[in-house]
Amino acid sequence: ASLAGKGLVCVWQTDNSERPVKTLVCEGLPVCCAMSPVRPTVVVAGTSTGSIMVWDLREPNSVHEDEESRTLDVSNGLRRPSYSTDASALASDTKDRFENQHCAPIVGLVTLNEGAMGRRKGSFGGDSTSFQIASLDQSGVVMLWTVLDTRAKAGGSEADLGLGIGARVK
Protein backbone atom coordinates (compact mmCIF):
# COMPACT_ATOMS: atom_id res chain seq x y z
CA ALA A 1 0.00 0.00 0.00
CA SER A 2 2.85 2.43 0.69
CA LEU A 3 4.05 2.01 -2.92
CA ALA A 4 0.70 3.07 -4.40
CA GLY A 5 1.26 6.17 -6.51
CA LYS A 6 5.04 5.93 -6.23
CA GLY A 7 7.47 5.77 -9.12
CA LEU A 8 10.03 2.99 -9.56
CA VAL A 9 13.42 2.93 -11.26
CA CYS A 10 15.19 -0.42 -11.48
CA VAL A 11 18.91 -0.95 -11.98
CA TRP A 12 19.84 -4.20 -13.74
CA GLN A 13 23.09 -6.03 -14.37
CA THR A 14 23.45 -7.05 -17.99
CA ASP A 15 24.60 -10.55 -17.09
CA ASN A 16 21.60 -11.27 -14.80
CA SER A 17 18.11 -10.52 -16.07
CA GLU A 18 16.21 -12.42 -13.36
CA ARG A 19 15.67 -9.43 -11.06
CA PRO A 20 16.98 -5.89 -10.61
CA VAL A 21 20.06 -5.34 -8.48
CA LYS A 22 18.58 -2.15 -7.00
CA THR A 23 14.98 -0.99 -6.82
CA LEU A 24 14.62 2.78 -6.43
CA VAL A 25 11.37 4.36 -5.22
CA CYS A 26 10.32 8.01 -5.47
CA GLU A 27 7.39 10.39 -5.34
CA GLY A 28 6.03 11.15 -8.77
CA LEU A 29 6.53 9.37 -12.06
CA PRO A 30 10.15 9.04 -13.25
CA VAL A 31 10.28 10.15 -16.89
CA CYS A 32 14.02 9.96 -17.64
CA CYS A 33 17.17 8.92 -15.84
CA ALA A 34 20.94 8.98 -16.19
CA MET A 35 24.01 7.43 -14.64
CA SER A 36 27.31 9.19 -14.80
CA PRO A 37 29.92 7.22 -16.72
CA VAL A 38 32.48 8.35 -14.13
CA ARG A 39 30.19 7.84 -11.08
CA PRO A 40 28.20 4.67 -11.84
CA THR A 41 27.06 4.42 -8.21
CA VAL A 42 24.85 7.50 -8.57
CA VAL A 43 21.48 7.41 -10.39
CA VAL A 44 19.64 10.63 -11.26
CA ALA A 45 16.03 10.75 -12.45
CA GLY A 46 13.68 13.51 -13.59
CA THR A 47 9.97 13.25 -12.83
CA SER A 48 6.70 14.31 -14.39
CA THR A 49 6.31 16.86 -11.60
CA GLY A 50 9.60 18.61 -12.45
CA SER A 51 11.65 17.16 -9.59
CA ILE A 52 15.16 15.74 -9.76
CA MET A 53 15.87 12.64 -7.65
CA VAL A 54 19.33 11.29 -6.78
CA TRP A 55 20.13 7.83 -5.40
CA ASP A 56 23.49 6.73 -3.98
CA LEU A 57 23.89 3.02 -4.73
CA ARG A 58 26.81 2.82 -2.27
CA GLU A 59 24.40 2.94 0.68
CA PRO A 60 24.32 -0.45 2.44
CA ASN A 61 21.42 -2.74 1.51
CA SER A 62 20.65 -3.20 5.21
CA VAL A 63 19.52 0.44 5.43
CA HIS A 64 16.84 -0.21 2.80
CA GLU A 65 15.66 -3.70 3.69
CA ASP A 66 12.48 -3.69 5.73
CA GLU A 67 9.34 -5.75 6.19
CA GLU A 68 7.74 -4.21 3.10
CA SER A 69 10.66 -5.13 0.81
CA ARG A 70 10.74 -8.66 2.24
CA THR A 71 6.96 -9.04 1.73
CA LEU A 72 7.32 -7.88 -1.88
CA ASP A 73 10.42 -10.09 -2.33
CA VAL A 74 12.54 -7.13 -3.42
CA SER A 75 16.15 -8.13 -2.87
CA ASN A 76 18.43 -5.37 -1.52
CA GLY A 77 15.44 -3.34 -0.28
CA LEU A 78 13.42 -0.43 -1.62
CA ARG A 79 15.69 2.61 -1.86
CA ARG A 80 14.27 6.08 -1.25
CA PRO A 81 16.15 9.01 -2.85
CA SER A 82 19.31 10.26 -1.20
CA TYR A 83 18.34 13.69 -2.47
CA SER A 84 15.24 15.27 -3.99
CA THR A 85 14.62 18.77 -5.28
CA ASP A 86 11.03 18.51 -4.00
CA ALA A 87 12.04 20.53 -0.94
CA SER A 88 12.79 23.52 -3.22
CA ALA A 89 9.06 23.76 -3.93
CA LEU A 90 8.56 24.64 -0.26
CA ALA A 91 10.46 27.93 -0.63
CA SER A 92 8.31 30.82 0.55
CA ASP A 93 9.90 33.21 -1.97
CA THR A 94 8.15 32.54 -5.31
CA LYS A 95 11.05 34.00 -7.33
CA ASP A 96 13.55 31.75 -5.54
CA ARG A 97 11.32 28.72 -6.07
CA PHE A 98 11.09 29.30 -9.85
CA GLU A 99 14.83 29.94 -10.20
CA ASN A 100 15.84 26.74 -8.37
CA GLN A 101 13.19 24.24 -9.44
CA HIS A 102 11.62 23.07 -12.68
CA CYS A 103 7.92 23.96 -12.98
CA ALA A 104 7.18 21.51 -15.81
CA PRO A 105 7.84 17.79 -16.38
CA ILE A 106 11.48 16.85 -16.96
CA VAL A 107 11.93 15.50 -20.50
CA GLY A 108 15.68 14.95 -20.57
CA LEU A 109 18.74 14.46 -18.38
CA VAL A 110 22.34 14.25 -19.51
CA THR A 111 25.62 14.00 -17.63
CA LEU A 112 28.17 16.57 -18.69
CA ASN A 113 31.71 15.74 -19.72
CA GLU A 114 34.36 16.35 -17.06
CA GLY A 115 36.94 17.24 -19.70
CA ALA A 116 36.75 21.00 -19.18
CA MET A 117 36.74 20.67 -15.39
CA GLY A 118 39.88 18.60 -15.18
CA ARG A 119 40.27 15.75 -12.73
CA ARG A 120 40.63 16.11 -8.99
CA LYS A 121 41.33 13.55 -6.33
CA GLY A 122 38.48 13.08 -3.89
CA SER A 123 36.59 10.64 -1.66
CA PHE A 124 33.70 9.92 -4.04
CA GLY A 125 35.33 6.63 -5.03
CA GLY A 126 37.30 7.99 -7.96
CA ASP A 127 39.01 11.02 -9.39
CA SER A 128 36.44 13.67 -8.50
CA THR A 129 34.01 14.39 -5.70
CA SER A 130 31.37 15.79 -8.04
CA PHE A 131 29.92 15.73 -11.54
CA GLN A 132 27.41 17.83 -13.40
CA ILE A 133 24.11 17.08 -15.11
CA ALA A 134 21.80 19.17 -17.27
CA SER A 135 18.03 18.81 -17.09
CA LEU A 136 15.51 19.97 -19.67
CA ASP A 137 11.85 20.45 -18.87
CA GLN A 138 8.84 20.45 -21.15
CA SER A 139 8.70 24.26 -21.28
CA GLY A 140 12.28 24.44 -22.61
CA VAL A 141 14.03 25.44 -19.38
CA VAL A 142 17.52 23.96 -18.97
CA MET A 143 19.07 23.77 -15.51
CA LEU A 144 22.60 22.76 -14.60
CA TRP A 145 23.16 20.78 -11.41
CA THR A 146 26.25 19.65 -9.54
CA VAL A 147 25.98 16.29 -7.80
CA LEU A 148 28.37 16.04 -4.87
CA ASP A 149 29.34 13.95 -1.90
CA THR A 150 28.49 15.89 1.29
CA ARG A 151 31.20 14.11 3.28
CA ALA A 152 33.83 15.53 0.95
CA LYS A 153 33.27 19.08 2.21
CA ALA A 154 34.96 20.23 5.37
CA GLY A 155 33.15 20.71 8.67
CA GLY A 156 29.67 21.99 9.49
CA SER A 157 26.32 20.26 9.50
CA GLU A 158 24.08 19.75 6.49
CA ALA A 159 20.80 21.69 6.63
CA ASP A 160 19.47 20.97 3.13
CA LEU A 161 15.84 19.79 3.37
CA GLY A 162 16.19 17.75 0.17
CA LEU A 163 18.90 15.52 1.68
CA GLY A 164 17.68 12.17 2.98
CA ILE A 165 18.50 11.10 6.52
CA GLY A 166 22.00 9.65 6.60
CA ALA A 167 22.52 10.31 2.86
CA ARG A 168 25.87 11.44 1.48
CA VAL A 169 24.98 12.60 -2.02
CA LYS A 170 23.10 15.74 -3.03
C-alpha atoms as a PDB file:
ATOM      1  CA  ALA A   1       0.000   0.000   0.000  1.00  0.00           C
ATOM      2  CA  SER A   2       2.852   2.431   0.692  1.00  0.00           C
ATOM      3  CA  LEU A   3       4.047   2.009  -2.916  1.00  0.00           C
ATOM      4  CA  ALA A   4       0.704   3.073  -4.401  1.00  0.00           C
ATOM      5  CA  GLY A   5       1.259   6.166  -6.514  1.00  0.00           C
ATOM      6  CA  LYS A   6       5.038   5.929  -6.227  1.00  0.00           C
ATOM      7  CA  GLY A   7       7.473   5.770  -9.115  1.00  0.00           C
ATOM      8  CA  LEU A   8      10.026   2.992  -9.564  1.00  0.00           C
ATOM      9  CA  VAL A   9      13.420   2.929 -11.258  1.00  0.00           C
ATOM     10  CA  CYS A  10      15.186  -0.417 -11.476  1.00  0.00           C
ATOM     11  CA  VAL A  11      18.910  -0.949 -11.985  1.00  0.00           C
ATOM     12  CA  TRP A  12      19.839  -4.195 -13.742  1.00  0.00           C
ATOM     13  CA  GLN A  13      23.090  -6.032 -14.369  1.00  0.00           C
ATOM     14  CA  THR A  14      23.448  -7.048 -17.994  1.00  0.00           C
ATOM     15  CA  ASP A  15      24.603 -10.549 -17.095  1.00  0.00           C
ATOM     16  CA  ASN A  16      21.604 -11.266 -14.797  1.00  0.00           C
ATOM     17  CA  SER A  17      18.112 -10.519 -16.070  1.00  0.00           C
ATOM     18  CA  GLU A  18      16.214 -12.419 -13.359  1.00  0.00           C
ATOM     19  CA  ARG A  19      15.668  -9.426 -11.062  1.00  0.00           C
ATOM     20  CA  PRO A  20      16.975  -5.886 -10.609  1.00  0.00           C
ATOM     21  CA  VAL A  21      20.063  -5.344  -8.484  1.00  0.00           C
ATOM     22  CA  LYS A  22      18.585  -2.153  -7.004  1.00  0.00           C
ATOM     23  CA  THR A  23      14.976  -0.986  -6.822  1.00  0.00           C
ATOM     24  CA  LEU A  24      14.617   2.779  -6.433  1.00  0.00           C
ATOM     25  CA  VAL A  25      11.374   4.363  -5.215  1.00  0.00           C
ATOM     26  CA  CYS A  26      10.315   8.006  -5.469  1.00  0.00           C
ATOM     27  CA  GLU A  27       7.388  10.391  -5.335  1.00  0.00           C
ATOM     28  CA  GLY A  28       6.032  11.152  -8.771  1.00  0.00           C
ATOM     29  CA  LEU A  29       6.535   9.367 -12.055  1.00  0.00           C
ATOM     30  CA  PRO A  30      10.155   9.042 -13.250  1.00  0.00           C
ATOM     31  CA  VAL A  31      10.284  10.146 -16.886  1.00  0.00           C
ATOM     32  CA  CYS A  32      14.015   9.962 -17.635  1.00  0.00           C
ATOM     33  CA  CYS A  33      17.171   8.918 -15.842  1.00  0.00           C
ATOM     34  CA  ALA A  34      20.935   8.978 -16.191  1.00  0.00           C
ATOM     35  CA  MET A  35      24.006   7.430 -14.639  1.00  0.00           C
ATOM     36  CA  SER A  36      27.309   9.195 -14.800  1.00  0.00           C
ATOM     37  CA  PRO A  37      29.923   7.218 -16.723  1.00  0.00           C
ATOM     38  CA  VAL A  38      32.479   8.347 -14.129  1.00  0.00           C
ATOM     39  CA  ARG A  39      30.189   7.843 -11.081  1.00  0.00           C
ATOM     40  CA  PRO A  40      28.204   4.672 -11.836  1.00  0.00           C
ATOM     41  CA  THR A  41      27.059   4.422  -8.211  1.00  0.00           C
ATOM     42  CA  VAL A  42      24.846   7.500  -8.574  1.00  0.00           C
ATOM     43  CA  VAL A  43      21.480   7.413 -10.387  1.00  0.00           C
ATOM     44  CA  VAL A  44      19.643  10.630 -11.258  1.00  0.00           C
ATOM     45  CA  ALA A  45      16.028  10.752 -12.452  1.00  0.00           C
ATOM     46  CA  GLY A  46      13.684  13.510 -13.594  1.00  0.00           C
ATOM     47  CA  THR A  47       9.974  13.247 -12.825  1.00  0.00           C
ATOM     48  CA  SER A  48       6.704  14.306 -14.394  1.00  0.00           C
ATOM     49  CA  THR A  49       6.314  16.862 -11.601  1.00  0.00           C
ATOM     50  CA  GLY A  50       9.600  18.607 -12.445  1.00  0.00           C
ATOM     51  CA  SER A  51      11.649  17.162  -9.592  1.00  0.00           C
ATOM     52  CA  ILE A  52      15.155  15.740  -9.765  1.00  0.00           C
ATOM     53  CA  MET A  53      15.870  12.641  -7.648  1.00  0.00           C
ATOM     54  CA  VAL A  54      19.325  11.291  -6.780  1.00  0.00           C
ATOM     55  CA  TRP A  55      20.133   7.832  -5.395  1.00  0.00           C
ATOM     56  CA  ASP A  56      23.489   6.730  -3.980  1.00  0.00           C
ATOM     57  CA  LEU A  57      23.894   3.019  -4.731  1.00  0.00           C
ATOM     58  CA  ARG A  58      26.807   2.819  -2.266  1.00  0.00           C
ATOM     59  CA  GLU A  59      24.404   2.940   0.679  1.00  0.00           C
ATOM     60  CA  PRO A  60      24.324  -0.455   2.439  1.00  0.00           C
ATOM     61  CA  ASN A  61      21.417  -2.737   1.511  1.00  0.00           C
ATOM     62  CA  SER A  62      20.653  -3.201   5.209  1.00  0.00           C
ATOM     63  CA  VAL A  63      19.522   0.440   5.429  1.00  0.00           C
ATOM     64  CA  HIS A  64      16.838  -0.208   2.803  1.00  0.00           C
ATOM     65  CA  GLU A  65      15.665  -3.704   3.686  1.00  0.00           C
ATOM     66  CA  ASP A  66      12.481  -3.688   5.734  1.00  0.00           C
ATOM     67  CA  GLU A  67       9.336  -5.750   6.187  1.00  0.00           C
ATOM     68  CA  GLU A  68       7.744  -4.211   3.096  1.00  0.00           C
ATOM     69  CA  SER A  69      10.662  -5.131   0.814  1.00  0.00           C
ATOM     70  CA  ARG A  70      10.738  -8.658   2.236  1.00  0.00           C
ATOM     71  CA  THR A  71       6.960  -9.036   1.733  1.00  0.00           C
ATOM     72  CA  LEU A  72       7.322  -7.878  -1.883  1.00  0.00           C
ATOM     73  CA  ASP A  73      10.419 -10.093  -2.326  1.00  0.00           C
ATOM     74  CA  VAL A  74      12.545  -7.130  -3.416  1.00  0.00           C
ATOM     75  CA  SER A  75      16.149  -8.126  -2.868  1.00  0.00           C
ATOM     76  CA  ASN A  76      18.426  -5.374  -1.523  1.00  0.00           C
ATOM     77  CA  GLY A  77      15.441  -3.336  -0.280  1.00  0.00           C
ATOM     78  CA  LEU A  78      13.417  -0.432  -1.616  1.00  0.00           C
ATOM     79  CA  ARG A  79      15.685   2.606  -1.858  1.00  0.00           C
ATOM     80  CA  ARG A  80      14.271   6.076  -1.249  1.00  0.00           C
ATOM     81  CA  PRO A  81      16.151   9.005  -2.848  1.00  0.00           C
ATOM     82  CA  SER A  82      19.306  10.255  -1.196  1.00  0.00           C
ATOM     83  CA  TYR A  83      18.344  13.685  -2.466  1.00  0.00           C
ATOM     84  CA  SER A  84      15.238  15.268  -3.986  1.00  0.00           C
ATOM     85  CA  THR A  85      14.620  18.775  -5.278  1.00  0.00           C
ATOM     86  CA  ASP A  86      11.025  18.508  -4.003  1.00  0.00           C
ATOM     87  CA  ALA A  87      12.038  20.533  -0.942  1.00  0.00           C
ATOM     88  CA  SER A  88      12.790  23.519  -3.217  1.00  0.00           C
ATOM     89  CA  ALA A  89       9.063  23.758  -3.933  1.00  0.00           C
ATOM     90  CA  LEU A  90       8.561  24.637  -0.257  1.00  0.00           C
ATOM     91  CA  ALA A  91      10.455  27.928  -0.629  1.00  0.00           C
ATOM     92  CA  SER A  92       8.312  30.822   0.545  1.00  0.00           C
ATOM     93  CA  ASP A  93       9.896  33.205  -1.972  1.00  0.00           C
ATOM     94  CA  THR A  94       8.153  32.542  -5.312  1.00  0.00           C
ATOM     95  CA  LYS A  95      11.050  34.001  -7.331  1.00  0.00           C
ATOM     96  CA  ASP A  96      13.551  31.748  -5.537  1.00  0.00           C
ATOM     97  CA  ARG A  97      11.315  28.723  -6.074  1.00  0.00           C
ATOM     98  CA  PHE A  98      11.093  29.302  -9.849  1.00  0.00           C
ATOM     99  CA  GLU A  99      14.829  29.938 -10.197  1.00  0.00           C
ATOM    100  CA  ASN A 100      15.838  26.743  -8.372  1.00  0.00           C
ATOM    101  CA  GLN A 101      13.192  24.236  -9.444  1.00  0.00           C
ATOM    102  CA  HIS A 102      11.617  23.070 -12.678  1.00  0.00           C
ATOM    103  CA  CYS A 103       7.925  23.956 -12.981  1.00  0.00           C
ATOM    104  CA  ALA A 104       7.185  21.511 -15.811  1.00  0.00           C
ATOM    105  CA  PRO A 105       7.838  17.792 -16.381  1.00  0.00           C
ATOM    106  CA  ILE A 106      11.477  16.851 -16.960  1.00  0.00           C
ATOM    107  CA  VAL A 107      11.928  15.504 -20.496  1.00  0.00           C
ATOM    108  CA  GLY A 108      15.685  14.951 -20.573  1.00  0.00           C
ATOM    109  CA  LEU A 109      18.744  14.464 -18.383  1.00  0.00           C
ATOM    110  CA  VAL A 110      22.344  14.249 -19.508  1.00  0.00           C
ATOM    111  CA  THR A 111      25.617  13.996 -17.626  1.00  0.00           C
ATOM    112  CA  LEU A 112      28.173  16.570 -18.689  1.00  0.00           C
ATOM    113  CA  ASN A 113      31.711  15.736 -19.716  1.00  0.00           C
ATOM    114  CA  GLU A 114      34.360  16.348 -17.057  1.00  0.00           C
ATOM    115  CA  GLY A 115      36.939  17.239 -19.697  1.00  0.00           C
ATOM    116  CA  ALA A 116      36.752  21.002 -19.184  1.00  0.00           C
ATOM    117  CA  MET A 117      36.740  20.670 -15.391  1.00  0.00           C
ATOM    118  CA  GLY A 118      39.877  18.599 -15.181  1.00  0.00           C
ATOM    119  CA  ARG A 119      40.275  15.753 -12.731  1.00  0.00           C
ATOM    120  CA  ARG A 120      40.629  16.107  -8.992  1.00  0.00           C
ATOM    121  CA  LYS A 121      41.330  13.552  -6.327  1.00  0.00           C
ATOM    122  CA  GLY A 122      38.477  13.077  -3.890  1.00  0.00           C
ATOM    123  CA  SER A 123      36.586  10.637  -1.659  1.00  0.00           C
ATOM    124  CA  PHE A 124      33.697   9.917  -4.045  1.00  0.00           C
ATOM    125  CA  GLY A 125      35.329   6.628  -5.033  1.00  0.00           C
ATOM    126  CA  GLY A 126      37.297   7.989  -7.959  1.00  0.00           C
ATOM    127  CA  ASP A 127      39.014  11.019  -9.387  1.00  0.00           C
ATOM    128  CA  SER A 128      36.440  13.670  -8.503  1.00  0.00           C
ATOM    129  CA  THR A 129      34.014  14.392  -5.703  1.00  0.00           C
ATOM    130  CA  SER A 130      31.372  15.794  -8.042  1.00  0.00           C
ATOM    131  CA  PHE A 131      29.919  15.726 -11.539  1.00  0.00           C
ATOM    132  CA  GLN A 132      27.406  17.828 -13.397  1.00  0.00           C
ATOM    133  CA  ILE A 133      24.110  17.084 -15.111  1.00  0.00           C
ATOM    134  CA  ALA A 134      21.797  19.166 -17.265  1.00  0.00           C
ATOM    135  CA  SER A 135      18.028  18.805 -17.088  1.00  0.00           C
ATOM    136  CA  LEU A 136      15.506  19.970 -19.668  1.00  0.00           C
ATOM    137  CA  ASP A 137      11.850  20.447 -18.868  1.00  0.00           C
ATOM    138  CA  GLN A 138       8.835  20.451 -21.146  1.00  0.00           C
ATOM    139  CA  SER A 139       8.699  24.255 -21.278  1.00  0.00           C
ATOM    140  CA  GLY A 140      12.279  24.436 -22.606  1.00  0.00           C
ATOM    141  CA  VAL A 141      14.030  25.442 -19.379  1.00  0.00           C
ATOM    142  CA  VAL A 142      17.519  23.960 -18.971  1.00  0.00           C
ATOM    143  CA  MET A 143      19.069  23.772 -15.512  1.00  0.00           C
ATOM    144  CA  LEU A 144      22.603  22.756 -14.605  1.00  0.00           C
ATOM    145  CA  TRP A 145      23.161  20.783 -11.406  1.00  0.00           C
ATOM    146  CA  THR A 146      26.254  19.647  -9.542  1.00  0.00           C
ATOM    147  CA  VAL A 147      25.984  16.289  -7.799  1.00  0.00           C
ATOM    148  CA  LEU A 148      28.371  16.045  -4.874  1.00  0.00           C
ATOM    149  CA  ASP A 149      29.339  13.954  -1.897  1.00  0.00           C
ATOM    150  CA  THR A 150      28.495  15.893   1.290  1.00  0.00           C
ATOM    151  CA  ARG A 151      31.197  14.113   3.281  1.00  0.00           C
ATOM    152  CA  ALA A 152      33.832  15.527   0.951  1.00  0.00           C
ATOM    153  CA  LYS A 153      33.268  19.075   2.211  1.00  0.00           C
ATOM    154  CA  ALA A 154      34.962  20.232   5.368  1.00  0.00           C
ATOM    155  CA  GLY A 155      33.152  20.707   8.666  1.00  0.00           C
ATOM    156  CA  GLY A 156      29.673  21.994   9.495  1.00  0.00           C
ATOM    157  CA  SER A 157      26.325  20.256   9.495  1.00  0.00           C
ATOM    158  CA  GLU A 158      24.077  19.748   6.494  1.00  0.00           C
ATOM    159  CA  ALA A 159      20.802  21.688   6.634  1.00  0.00           C
ATOM    160  CA  ASP A 160      19.466  20.969   3.128  1.00  0.00           C
ATOM    161  CA  LEU A 161      15.841  19.791   3.369  1.00  0.00           C
ATOM    162  CA  GLY A 162      16.194  17.751   0.168  1.00  0.00           C
ATOM    163  CA  LEU A 163      18.898  15.525   1.676  1.00  0.00           C
ATOM    164  CA  GLY A 164      17.678  12.169   2.981  1.00  0.00           C
ATOM    165  CA  ILE A 165      18.495  11.096   6.521  1.00  0.00           C
ATOM    166  CA  GLY A 166      22.004   9.648   6.597  1.00  0.00           C
ATOM    167  CA  ALA A 167      22.516  10.314   2.860  1.00  0.00           C
ATOM    168  CA  ARG A 168      25.867  11.442   1.484  1.00  0.00           C
ATOM    169  CA  VAL A 169      24.982  12.603  -2.018  1.00  0.00           C
ATOM    170  CA  LYS A 170      23.104  15.742  -3.033  1.00  0.00           C
END
